[in-house]
Amino acid sequence: MPKALKLVCVVWASPWTLLGLLVGAVGLATGGRTQRRGTVVEFYGGLVAWLLAHFPGRPGAMTLGHTVLGRTASLLDSARSHELIHVRQYERWGLLFVPAYLLCSGVQWLRGKDPYRDNPFEREAYASGS
């Protein structure tokens, strides 16, 4: 991807990235850790781990723009390829990603399907082999 286009994609996803950085900063202040993978900043441990453990579905990791929040470093390692698909989805959808994701989950739930596994965003991420 050309650098100028990559920059546009990063900026388009930045409102969610800022939220992820805020949550990650609170995680760091409560004993969490961070690491960088290209344009993605990963946070784990501290309050981040607690929040994910109490989030619906108890995910091991969650993506917000160009940030990935994980309960542990090993869970981040195992979920990385899946979460990087979500980073690319944020680059395409920007501010609209979370509302679109929730709408898709709601539609699946109304159809009597699994709002997580049948969500097209998750299906794309799982199809990546993760």
N, C-alpha and C. Protein backbone atom coordinates (compact mmCIF):
# COMPACT_ATOMS: atom_id res chain seq x y z
N MET A 1 0.85 -1.17 0.00
CA MET A 1 0.00 0.00 0.00
C MET A 1 0.90 1.24 0.00
N PRO A 2 0.64 2.21 -0.88
CA PRO A 2 1.44 3.44 -0.89
C PRO A 2 1.38 4.15 0.47
N LYS A 3 2.48 4.81 0.84
CA LYS A 3 2.56 5.46 2.16
C LYS A 3 1.45 6.49 2.37
N ALA A 4 1.13 7.26 1.34
CA ALA A 4 0.08 8.29 1.48
C ALA A 4 -1.27 7.64 1.77
N LEU A 5 -1.57 6.53 1.10
CA LEU A 5 -2.84 5.85 1.33
C LEU A 5 -2.86 5.21 2.72
N LYS A 6 -1.73 4.64 3.12
CA LYS A 6 -1.64 4.05 4.47
C LYS A 6 -1.89 5.12 5.53
N LEU A 7 -1.35 6.31 5.34
CA LEU A 7 -1.56 7.40 6.28
C LEU A 7 -3.04 7.77 6.36
N VAL A 8 -3.70 7.83 5.22
CA VAL A 8 -5.15 8.13 5.20
C VAL A 8 -5.91 7.06 5.98
N CYS A 9 -5.54 5.79 5.79
CA CYS A 9 -6.21 4.70 6.50
C CYS A 9 -5.99 4.79 8.01
N VAL A 10 -4.77 5.15 8.41
CA VAL A 10 -4.47 5.29 9.84
C VAL A 10 -5.29 6.43 10.44
N VAL A 11 -5.37 7.55 9.74
CA VAL A 11 -6.14 8.70 10.22
C VAL A 11 -7.62 8.36 10.27
N TRP A 12 -8.14 7.66 9.27
CA TRP A 12 -9.56 7.29 9.19
C TRP A 12 -9.95 6.43 10.40
N ALA A 13 -9.04 5.59 10.86
CA ALA A 13 -9.32 4.73 12.02
C ALA A 13 -8.96 5.38 13.35
N SER A 14 -8.37 6.59 13.31
CA SER A 14 -7.78 7.17 14.52
C SER A 14 -8.74 7.46 15.67
N PRO A 15 -10.02 7.79 15.45
CA PRO A 15 -10.87 8.00 16.63
C PRO A 15 -10.94 6.76 17.52
N TRP A 16 -11.03 5.57 16.90
CA TRP A 16 -11.07 4.33 17.69
C TRP A 16 -9.69 4.02 18.26
N THR A 17 -8.64 4.35 17.51
CA THR A 17 -7.28 4.16 18.01
C THR A 17 -7.07 5.00 19.27
N LEU A 18 -7.56 6.23 19.27
CA LEU A 18 -7.42 7.09 20.45
C LEU A 18 -8.11 6.48 21.67
N LEU A 19 -9.29 5.91 21.46
CA LEU A 19 -9.97 5.24 22.57
C LEU A 19 -9.13 4.06 23.07
N GLY A 20 -8.58 3.28 22.15
CA GLY A 20 -7.73 2.16 22.53
C GLY A 20 -6.49 2.62 23.28
N LEU A 21 -5.89 3.73 22.84
CA LEU A 21 -4.72 4.27 23.54
C LEU A 21 -5.08 4.74 24.95
N LEU A 22 -6.26 5.31 25.10
CA LEU A 22 -6.71 5.75 26.42
C LEU A 22 -6.89 4.55 27.35
N VAL A 23 -7.58 3.52 26.87
CA VAL A 23 -7.76 2.31 27.69
C VAL A 23 -6.40 1.69 27.99
N GLY A 24 -5.52 1.64 26.97
CA GLY A 24 -4.19 1.08 27.17
C GLY A 24 -3.38 1.87 28.18
N ALA A 25 -3.50 3.19 28.17
CA ALA A 25 -2.78 4.02 29.14
C ALA A 25 -3.24 3.73 30.56
N VAL A 26 -4.53 3.53 30.73
CA VAL A 26 -5.03 3.16 32.06
C VAL A 26 -4.49 1.78 32.44
N GLY A 27 -4.41 0.89 31.46
CA GLY A 27 -3.82 -0.42 31.72
C GLY A 27 -2.37 -0.31 32.16
N LEU A 28 -1.61 0.55 31.49
CA LEU A 28 -0.20 0.76 31.88
C LEU A 28 -0.09 1.31 33.29
N ALA A 29 -0.98 2.23 33.63
CA ALA A 29 -0.96 2.84 34.96
C ALA A 29 -1.34 1.85 36.06
N THR A 30 -1.93 0.72 35.66
CA THR A 30 -2.35 -0.29 36.64
C THR A 30 -1.54 -1.58 36.50
N GLY A 31 -0.32 -1.45 36.00
CA GLY A 31 0.58 -2.60 35.94
C GLY A 31 0.63 -3.33 34.62
N GLY A 32 -0.07 -2.84 33.61
CA GLY A 32 -0.06 -3.49 32.31
C GLY A 32 1.22 -3.22 31.54
N ARG A 33 1.31 -3.84 30.38
CA ARG A 33 2.48 -3.71 29.52
C ARG A 33 2.04 -3.33 28.11
N THR A 34 3.01 -2.94 27.29
CA THR A 34 2.72 -2.58 25.90
C THR A 34 3.82 -3.08 24.98
N GLN A 35 3.48 -3.25 23.73
CA GLN A 35 4.46 -3.58 22.69
C GLN A 35 3.91 -3.08 21.37
N ARG A 36 4.82 -2.84 20.43
CA ARG A 36 4.40 -2.33 19.13
C ARG A 36 4.68 -3.35 18.05
N ARG A 37 3.75 -3.50 17.13
CA ARG A 37 3.88 -4.38 15.97
C ARG A 37 3.53 -3.55 14.74
N GLY A 38 4.52 -2.97 14.09
CA GLY A 38 4.26 -2.11 12.93
C GLY A 38 3.49 -0.88 13.35
N THR A 39 2.33 -0.66 12.74
CA THR A 39 1.50 0.50 13.08
C THR A 39 0.51 0.19 14.21
N VAL A 40 0.62 -1.00 14.78
CA VAL A 40 -0.32 -1.43 15.82
C VAL A 40 0.37 -1.40 17.18
N VAL A 41 -0.31 -0.82 18.16
CA VAL A 41 0.18 -0.82 19.55
C VAL A 41 -0.68 -1.80 20.32
N GLU A 42 -0.02 -2.74 20.99
CA GLU A 42 -0.72 -3.75 21.78
C GLU A 42 -0.54 -3.46 23.27
N PHE A 43 -1.61 -3.63 24.02
CA PHE A 43 -1.58 -3.47 25.48
C PHE A 43 -2.11 -4.75 26.10
N TYR A 44 -1.53 -5.14 27.23
CA TYR A 44 -2.03 -6.31 27.94
C TYR A 44 -1.75 -6.17 29.42
N GLY A 45 -2.53 -6.90 30.18
CA GLY A 45 -2.36 -6.88 31.63
C GLY A 45 -3.02 -5.67 32.28
N GLY A 46 -2.84 -5.56 33.58
CA GLY A 46 -3.42 -4.45 34.32
C GLY A 46 -4.93 -4.38 34.15
N LEU A 47 -5.45 -3.18 34.10
CA LEU A 47 -6.90 -2.99 33.96
C LEU A 47 -7.40 -3.50 32.61
N VAL A 48 -6.56 -3.51 31.60
CA VAL A 48 -6.96 -4.06 30.30
C VAL A 48 -7.40 -5.51 30.46
N ALA A 49 -6.60 -6.29 31.16
CA ALA A 49 -6.94 -7.70 31.38
C ALA A 49 -8.25 -7.82 32.16
N TRP A 50 -8.41 -7.00 33.16
CA TRP A 50 -9.64 -7.05 33.96
C TRP A 50 -10.86 -6.70 33.11
N LEU A 51 -10.75 -5.63 32.31
CA LEU A 51 -11.88 -5.21 31.46
C LEU A 51 -12.27 -6.32 30.49
N LEU A 52 -11.28 -6.94 29.84
CA LEU A 52 -11.60 -8.00 28.88
C LEU A 52 -12.19 -9.23 29.57
N ALA A 53 -11.74 -9.51 30.77
CA ALA A 53 -12.28 -10.65 31.52
C ALA A 53 -13.73 -10.42 31.92
N HIS A 54 -14.14 -9.16 31.98
CA HIS A 54 -15.51 -8.82 32.37
C HIS A 54 -16.36 -8.34 31.19
N PHE A 55 -15.80 -8.35 30.00
CA PHE A 55 -16.51 -7.93 28.79
C PHE A 55 -17.37 -9.10 28.31
N PRO A 56 -18.53 -8.82 27.70
CA PRO A 56 -19.35 -9.94 27.20
C PRO A 56 -18.55 -10.87 26.29
N GLY A 57 -18.64 -12.15 26.56
CA GLY A 57 -17.91 -13.14 25.78
C GLY A 57 -16.50 -13.39 26.27
N ARG A 58 -16.03 -12.56 27.21
CA ARG A 58 -14.69 -12.69 27.80
C ARG A 58 -13.60 -12.89 26.75
N PRO A 59 -13.46 -11.95 25.79
CA PRO A 59 -12.46 -12.14 24.74
C PRO A 59 -11.04 -12.11 25.29
N GLY A 60 -10.16 -12.84 24.62
CA GLY A 60 -8.75 -12.80 24.98
C GLY A 60 -8.08 -11.54 24.46
N ALA A 61 -8.67 -10.99 23.37
CA ALA A 61 -8.13 -9.77 22.76
C ALA A 61 -9.25 -9.02 22.06
N MET A 62 -9.04 -7.73 21.85
CA MET A 62 -10.03 -6.87 21.20
C MET A 62 -9.28 -5.74 20.49
N THR A 63 -9.75 -5.39 19.31
CA THR A 63 -9.11 -4.35 18.52
C THR A 63 -9.92 -3.07 18.56
N LEU A 64 -9.22 -1.95 18.71
CA LEU A 64 -9.81 -0.62 18.58
C LEU A 64 -8.88 0.19 17.67
N GLY A 65 -9.25 0.30 16.41
CA GLY A 65 -8.41 1.02 15.45
C GLY A 65 -7.07 0.33 15.29
N HIS A 66 -6.00 1.04 15.59
CA HIS A 66 -4.65 0.49 15.50
C HIS A 66 -4.11 0.10 16.86
N THR A 67 -5.01 -0.19 17.80
CA THR A 67 -4.61 -0.73 19.10
C THR A 67 -5.28 -2.08 19.28
N VAL A 68 -4.55 -2.98 19.90
CA VAL A 68 -5.11 -4.28 20.26
C VAL A 68 -4.93 -4.44 21.76
N LEU A 69 -6.02 -4.72 22.43
CA LEU A 69 -6.03 -4.91 23.87
C LEU A 69 -6.09 -6.41 24.13
N GLY A 70 -5.22 -6.90 25.00
CA GLY A 70 -5.22 -8.33 25.30
C GLY A 70 -5.13 -8.57 26.79
N ARG A 71 -5.61 -9.75 27.19
CA ARG A 71 -5.51 -10.09 28.60
C ARG A 71 -4.07 -10.43 28.97
N THR A 72 -3.38 -11.17 28.09
CA THR A 72 -1.99 -11.56 28.35
C THR A 72 -1.19 -11.47 27.05
N ALA A 73 0.13 -11.49 27.17
CA ALA A 73 0.99 -11.47 25.99
C ALA A 73 0.78 -12.73 25.15
N SER A 74 0.59 -13.87 25.79
CA SER A 74 0.40 -15.12 25.03
C SER A 74 -0.94 -15.12 24.29
N LEU A 75 -1.98 -14.53 24.89
CA LEU A 75 -3.26 -14.43 24.18
C LEU A 75 -3.14 -13.48 22.99
N LEU A 76 -2.37 -12.41 23.14
CA LEU A 76 -2.12 -11.52 22.00
C LEU A 76 -1.40 -12.27 20.89
N ASP A 77 -0.40 -13.08 21.25
CA ASP A 77 0.34 -13.84 20.24
C ASP A 77 -0.59 -14.78 19.48
N SER A 78 -1.47 -15.46 20.19
CA SER A 78 -2.34 -16.43 19.52
C SER A 78 -3.45 -15.77 18.71
N ALA A 79 -3.83 -14.54 19.08
CA ALA A 79 -4.93 -13.84 18.38
C ALA A 79 -4.44 -12.84 17.34
N ARG A 80 -3.13 -12.67 17.21
CA ARG A 80 -2.59 -11.56 16.41
C ARG A 80 -3.10 -11.56 14.97
N SER A 81 -3.05 -12.67 14.26
CA SER A 81 -3.47 -12.65 12.85
C SER A 81 -4.95 -12.30 12.73
N HIS A 82 -5.76 -12.80 13.65
CA HIS A 82 -7.19 -12.48 13.67
C HIS A 82 -7.39 -10.98 13.92
N GLU A 83 -6.71 -10.45 14.91
CA GLU A 83 -6.88 -9.04 15.27
C GLU A 83 -6.34 -8.11 14.18
N LEU A 84 -5.31 -8.54 13.45
CA LEU A 84 -4.80 -7.70 12.36
C LEU A 84 -5.82 -7.58 11.22
N ILE A 85 -6.66 -8.59 11.05
CA ILE A 85 -7.76 -8.47 10.07
C ILE A 85 -8.70 -7.36 10.54
N HIS A 86 -8.98 -7.32 11.83
CA HIS A 86 -9.84 -6.25 12.36
C HIS A 86 -9.19 -4.88 12.18
N VAL A 87 -7.87 -4.78 12.33
CA VAL A 87 -7.19 -3.50 12.08
C VAL A 87 -7.47 -3.06 10.65
N ARG A 88 -7.34 -3.97 9.69
CA ARG A 88 -7.62 -3.62 8.29
C ARG A 88 -9.08 -3.23 8.10
N GLN A 89 -9.99 -3.89 8.82
CA GLN A 89 -11.40 -3.51 8.74
C GLN A 89 -11.61 -2.09 9.27
N TYR A 90 -10.95 -1.75 10.35
CA TYR A 90 -11.02 -0.37 10.86
C TYR A 90 -10.48 0.61 9.83
N GLU A 91 -9.43 0.23 9.13
CA GLU A 91 -8.88 1.11 8.10
C GLU A 91 -9.89 1.35 6.98
N ARG A 92 -10.68 0.35 6.65
CA ARG A 92 -11.71 0.51 5.61
C ARG A 92 -12.94 1.27 6.12
N TRP A 93 -13.38 0.96 7.32
CA TRP A 93 -14.65 1.47 7.83
C TRP A 93 -14.51 2.72 8.71
N GLY A 94 -13.33 2.95 9.29
CA GLY A 94 -13.09 4.12 10.12
C GLY A 94 -14.10 4.24 11.26
N LEU A 95 -14.63 5.45 11.43
CA LEU A 95 -15.61 5.71 12.50
C LEU A 95 -16.83 4.80 12.42
N LEU A 96 -17.14 4.32 11.24
CA LEU A 96 -18.34 3.51 11.03
C LEU A 96 -18.16 2.06 11.45
N PHE A 97 -16.92 1.64 11.76
CA PHE A 97 -16.69 0.23 12.04
C PHE A 97 -17.52 -0.28 13.22
N VAL A 98 -17.43 0.36 14.35
CA VAL A 98 -18.14 -0.15 15.54
C VAL A 98 -19.65 -0.15 15.34
N PRO A 99 -20.26 0.94 14.82
CA PRO A 99 -21.71 0.86 14.56
C PRO A 99 -22.07 -0.25 13.56
N ALA A 100 -21.26 -0.41 12.51
CA ALA A 100 -21.53 -1.47 11.52
C ALA A 100 -21.39 -2.85 12.16
N TYR A 101 -20.37 -3.03 12.98
CA TYR A 101 -20.15 -4.30 13.65
C TYR A 101 -21.35 -4.63 14.55
N LEU A 102 -21.77 -3.65 15.36
CA LEU A 102 -22.89 -3.88 16.26
C LEU A 102 -24.19 -4.12 15.50
N LEU A 103 -24.40 -3.41 14.41
CA LEU A 103 -25.58 -3.63 13.57
C LEU A 103 -25.58 -5.05 13.01
N CYS A 104 -24.44 -5.49 12.50
CA CYS A 104 -24.35 -6.86 11.97
C CYS A 104 -24.62 -7.89 13.06
N SER A 105 -24.09 -7.67 14.25
CA SER A 105 -24.36 -8.60 15.36
C SER A 105 -25.83 -8.61 15.71
N GLY A 106 -26.46 -7.43 15.74
CA GLY A 106 -27.89 -7.35 16.03
C GLY A 106 -28.73 -8.07 15.00
N VAL A 107 -28.39 -7.92 13.74
CA VAL A 107 -29.13 -8.60 12.67
C VAL A 107 -28.99 -10.12 12.83
N GLN A 108 -27.79 -10.58 13.13
CA GLN A 108 -27.60 -12.02 13.31
C GLN A 108 -28.40 -12.53 14.51
N TRP A 109 -28.41 -11.76 15.58
CA TRP A 109 -29.16 -12.15 16.78
C TRP A 109 -30.66 -12.22 16.46
N LEU A 110 -31.18 -11.22 15.72
CA LEU A 110 -32.60 -11.23 15.35
C LEU A 110 -32.94 -12.41 14.45
N ARG A 111 -31.99 -12.88 13.68
CA ARG A 111 -32.19 -14.04 12.81
C ARG A 111 -32.04 -15.36 13.55
N GLY A 112 -31.74 -15.28 14.85
CA GLY A 112 -31.56 -16.49 15.64
C GLY A 112 -30.18 -17.11 15.49
N LYS A 113 -29.26 -16.35 14.96
CA LYS A 113 -27.90 -16.84 14.77
C LYS A 113 -26.99 -16.30 15.86
N ASP A 114 -25.75 -16.76 15.85
CA ASP A 114 -24.76 -16.32 16.83
C ASP A 114 -24.28 -14.91 16.46
N PRO A 115 -24.52 -13.92 17.33
CA PRO A 115 -24.15 -12.54 16.99
C PRO A 115 -22.64 -12.33 16.86
N TYR A 116 -21.85 -13.23 17.41
CA TYR A 116 -20.39 -13.11 17.28
C TYR A 116 -19.89 -13.94 16.10
N ARG A 117 -20.09 -15.22 16.14
CA ARG A 117 -19.53 -16.11 15.11
C ARG A 117 -20.12 -15.86 13.71
N ASP A 118 -21.38 -15.44 13.64
CA ASP A 118 -22.02 -15.21 12.35
C ASP A 118 -21.88 -13.77 11.86
N ASN A 119 -21.25 -12.92 12.65
CA ASN A 119 -21.00 -11.54 12.24
C ASN A 119 -20.02 -11.57 11.06
N PRO A 120 -20.35 -10.91 9.93
CA PRO A 120 -19.46 -10.96 8.77
C PRO A 120 -18.04 -10.44 9.04
N PHE A 121 -17.89 -9.51 9.96
CA PHE A 121 -16.55 -9.02 10.30
C PHE A 121 -15.74 -10.13 10.97
N GLU A 122 -16.37 -10.89 11.85
CA GLU A 122 -15.69 -12.01 12.51
C GLU A 122 -15.45 -13.15 11.53
N ARG A 123 -16.40 -13.40 10.66
CA ARG A 123 -16.23 -14.48 9.68
C ARG A 123 -15.02 -14.19 8.79
N GLU A 124 -14.85 -12.92 8.40
CA GLU A 124 -13.68 -12.55 7.60
C GLU A 124 -12.39 -12.77 8.40
N ALA A 125 -12.40 -12.37 9.67
CA ALA A 125 -11.20 -12.53 10.50
C ALA A 125 -10.88 -14.01 10.73
N TYR A 126 -11.89 -14.84 10.98
CA TYR A 126 -11.65 -16.25 11.17
C TYR A 126 -11.23 -16.94 9.88
N ALA A 127 -11.72 -16.46 8.74
CA ALA A 127 -11.34 -17.05 7.45
C ALA A 127 -9.87 -16.83 7.13
N SER A 128 -9.23 -15.89 7.84
CA SER A 128 -7.81 -15.62 7.61
C SER A 128 -6.93 -16.75 8.13
N GLY A 129 -7.57 -17.74 8.77
CA GLY A 129 -6.80 -18.87 9.29
C GLY A 129 -6.51 -18.77 10.76
N SER A 130 -7.10 -17.77 11.42
CA SER A 130 -6.84 -17.62 12.86
C SER A 130 -7.96 -18.21 13.68
